[in-house]
C-alpha atoms as a PDB file:
ATOM      1  CA  UNK A   1      18.373 -86.002 111.164  1.00  0.00           C
ATOM      2  CA  UNK A   2      18.199 -88.841 113.087  1.00  0.00           C
ATOM      3  CA  UNK A   3      16.372 -91.077 115.274  1.00  0.00           C
ATOM      4  CA  UNK A   4      17.316 -94.077 116.536  1.00  0.00           C
ATOM      5  CA  UNK A   5      15.494 -97.055 116.932  1.00  0.00           C
ATOM      6  CA  UNK A   6      16.235-101.115 118.561  1.00  0.00           C
ATOM      7  CA  UNK A   7      15.130-104.173 115.694  1.00  0.00           C
ATOM      8  CA  UNK A   8      14.004-107.738 116.669  1.00  0.00           C
ATOM      9  CA  UNK A   9      18.004-108.430 117.689  1.00  0.00           C
ATOM     10  CA  UNK A  10      18.345-105.557 120.357  1.00  0.00           C
ATOM     11  CA  UNK A  11      21.211-103.656 118.223  1.00  0.00           C
ATOM     12  CA  UNK A  12      19.603 -99.752 117.742  1.00  0.00           C
ATOM     13  CA  UNK A  13      19.525 -98.021 113.991  1.00  0.00           C
ATOM     14  CA  UNK A  14      19.564 -95.599 112.154  1.00  0.00           C
ATOM     15  CA  UNK A  15      15.677 -94.149 110.583  1.00  0.00           C
ATOM     16  CA  UNK A  16      16.148 -90.837 108.726  1.00  0.00           C
ATOM     17  CA  UNK A  17      14.218 -88.230 108.323  1.00  0.00           C
ATOM     18  CA  UNK A  18      13.120 -88.010 105.155  1.00  0.00           C
ATOM     19  CA  UNK A  19      13.124 -84.151 103.642  1.00  0.00           C
ATOM     20  CA  UNK A  20      14.427 -82.010 100.864  1.00  0.00           C
ATOM     21  CA  UNK A  21      17.115 -80.022 102.003  1.00  0.00           C
ATOM     22  CA  UNK A  22      14.309 -79.307 105.145  1.00  0.00           C
ATOM     23  CA  UNK A  23      11.494 -77.054 102.690  1.00  0.00           C
ATOM     24  CA  UNK A  24      10.122 -80.127 101.922  1.00  0.00           C
ATOM     25  CA  UNK A  25       8.019 -82.671 104.425  1.00  0.00           C
ATOM     26  CA  UNK A  26       6.727 -85.868 104.873  1.00  0.00           C
ATOM     27  CA  UNK A  27       5.144 -86.976 107.991  1.00  0.00           C
ATOM     28  CA  UNK A  28       8.282 -87.842 110.178  1.00  0.00           C
ATOM     29  CA  UNK A  29      10.418 -85.173 110.047  1.00  0.00           C
ATOM     30  CA  UNK A  30       6.966 -82.907 110.858  1.00  0.00           C
ATOM     31  CA  UNK A  31       6.094 -84.246 113.521  1.00  0.00           C
ATOM     32  CA  UNK A  32       9.983 -84.294 114.584  1.00  0.00           C
ATOM     33  CA  UNK A  33      10.575 -80.424 114.115  1.00  0.00           C
ATOM     34  CA  UNK A  34       7.227 -79.705 115.428  1.00  0.00           C
ATOM     35  CA  UNK A  35       5.521 -82.174 117.832  1.00  0.00           C
ATOM     36  CA  UNK A  36       2.360 -83.407 117.175  1.00  0.00           C
ATOM     37  CA  UNK A  37       2.536 -87.359 116.582  1.00  0.00           C
ATOM     38  CA  UNK A  38       2.554 -88.128 112.554  1.00  0.00           C
ATOM     39  CA  UNK A  39      -1.158 -89.661 113.113  1.00  0.00           C
ATOM     40  CA  UNK A  40      -2.463 -86.281 114.568  1.00  0.00           C
ATOM     41  CA  UNK A  41      -0.792 -84.532 111.765  1.00  0.00           C
ATOM     42  CA  UNK A  42      -2.808 -86.605 109.834  1.00  0.00           C
ATOM     43  CA  UNK A  43      -5.905 -85.925 110.859  1.00  0.00           C
ATOM     44  CA  UNK A  44      -5.563 -82.110 111.090  1.00  0.00           C
ATOM     45  CA  UNK A  45      -3.874 -82.667 107.163  1.00  0.00           C
ATOM     46  CA  UNK A  46      -6.974 -84.785 106.400  1.00  0.00           C
ATOM     47  CA  UNK A  47      -9.108 -81.890 107.719  1.00  0.00           C
ATOM     48  CA  UNK A  48      -8.181 -79.466 105.606  1.00  0.00           C
ATOM     49  CA  UNK A  49      -6.786 -77.902 109.748  1.00  0.00           C
ATOM     50  CA  UNK A  50      -3.243 -77.036 108.403  1.00  0.00           C
ATOM     51  CA  UNK A  51      -1.632 -76.407 105.643  1.00  0.00           C
ATOM     52  CA  UNK A  52      -0.120 -79.378 103.158  1.00  0.00           C
ATOM     53  CA  UNK A  53      -0.278 -81.219 100.292  1.00  0.00           C
ATOM     54  CA  UNK A  54      -0.426 -84.338  98.752  1.00  0.00           C
ATOM     55  CA  UNK A  55       3.131 -86.561  96.654  1.00  0.00           C
ATOM     56  CA  UNK A  56       0.942 -89.041  94.794  1.00  0.00           C
ATOM     57  CA  UNK A  57      -0.564 -91.027  97.938  1.00  0.00           C
ATOM     58  CA  UNK A  58       2.150 -88.864 100.504  1.00  0.00           C
ATOM     59  CA  UNK A  59       1.579 -86.633 102.513  1.00  0.00           C
ATOM     60  CA  UNK A  60       4.541 -84.334 102.744  1.00  0.00           C
ATOM     61  CA  UNK A  61       4.574 -80.732 104.359  1.00  0.00           C
ATOM     62  CA  UNK A  62       6.255 -77.206 103.269  1.00  0.00           C
ATOM     63  CA  UNK A  63       8.042 -75.235 106.200  1.00  0.00           C
ATOM     64  CA  UNK A  64       7.421 -72.297 105.233  1.00  0.00           C
ATOM     65  CA  UNK A  65       4.531 -72.796 105.624  1.00  0.00           C
ATOM     66  CA  UNK A  66       4.433 -74.896 108.866  1.00  0.00           C
ATOM     67  CA  UNK A  67       6.574 -71.996 110.504  1.00  0.00           C
ATOM     68  CA  UNK A  68       4.292 -69.358 108.982  1.00  0.00           C
ATOM     69  CA  UNK A  69       0.652 -71.616 110.372  1.00  0.00           C
ATOM     70  CA  UNK A  70       2.413 -71.760 113.666  1.00  0.00           C
ATOM     71  CA  UNK A  71       4.010 -68.581 114.461  1.00  0.00           C
ATOM     72  CA  UNK A  72       0.537 -67.365 113.789  1.00  0.00           C
ATOM     73  CA  UNK A  73      -1.156 -69.661 115.999  1.00  0.00           C
ATOM     74  CA  UNK A  74      -3.211 -67.637 119.044  1.00  0.00           C
ATOM     75  CA  UNK A  75      -1.543 -67.400 122.047  1.00  0.00           C
ATOM     76  CA  UNK A  76       1.192 -65.874 123.466  1.00  0.00           C
ATOM     77  CA  UNK A  77       4.735 -65.069 122.183  1.00  0.00           C
ATOM     78  CA  UNK A  78       7.922 -65.235 123.917  1.00  0.00           C
ATOM     79  CA  UNK A  79       7.931 -61.682 123.994  1.00  0.00           C
ATOM     80  CA  UNK A  80       4.300 -61.480 126.335  1.00  0.00           C
ATOM     81  CA  UNK A  81       5.127 -64.254 127.517  1.00  0.00           C
ATOM     82  CA  UNK A  82       8.430 -62.851 129.123  1.00  0.00           C
ATOM     83  CA  UNK A  83       6.186 -59.207 129.989  1.00  0.00           C
ATOM     84  CA  UNK A  84       4.166 -61.654 132.187  1.00  0.00           C
ATOM     85  CA  UNK A  85       6.191 -63.234 134.324  1.00  0.00           C
ATOM     86  CA  UNK A  86       8.474 -59.526 134.791  1.00  0.00           C
ATOM     87  CA  UNK A  87       4.237 -58.611 136.178  1.00  0.00           C
ATOM     88  CA  UNK A  88       4.495 -61.156 138.211  1.00  0.00           C
ATOM     89  CA  UNK A  89       7.746 -60.778 139.787  1.00  0.00           C
ATOM     90  CA  UNK A  90       6.741 -57.859 140.178  1.00  0.00           C
ATOM     91  CA  UNK A  91       4.317 -58.328 142.489  1.00  0.00           C
ATOM     92  CA  UNK A  92       4.891 -60.825 144.503  1.00  0.00           C
ATOM     93  CA  UNK A  93       7.701 -59.171 145.652  1.00  0.00           C
END
């Protein structure tokens, strides 16, 4: 994955996201993929609230573990949301 940043000259430069075949993600790649900021992910990892690993002094994530973690969070699945929308539409007609 790439992201464009501008530097002092105002010209965009390409910053590469770090990861190994998308299986191991650093904070930047995990943030881009899942949405929370790098700072939020770091705090969650430090508190043991999200699956992570330490590689030397860096926090890294296994993509499969993050996928499972987010899929198993409490909430509404896509199918449940569609059913709720259909029920609401029936009630407004």
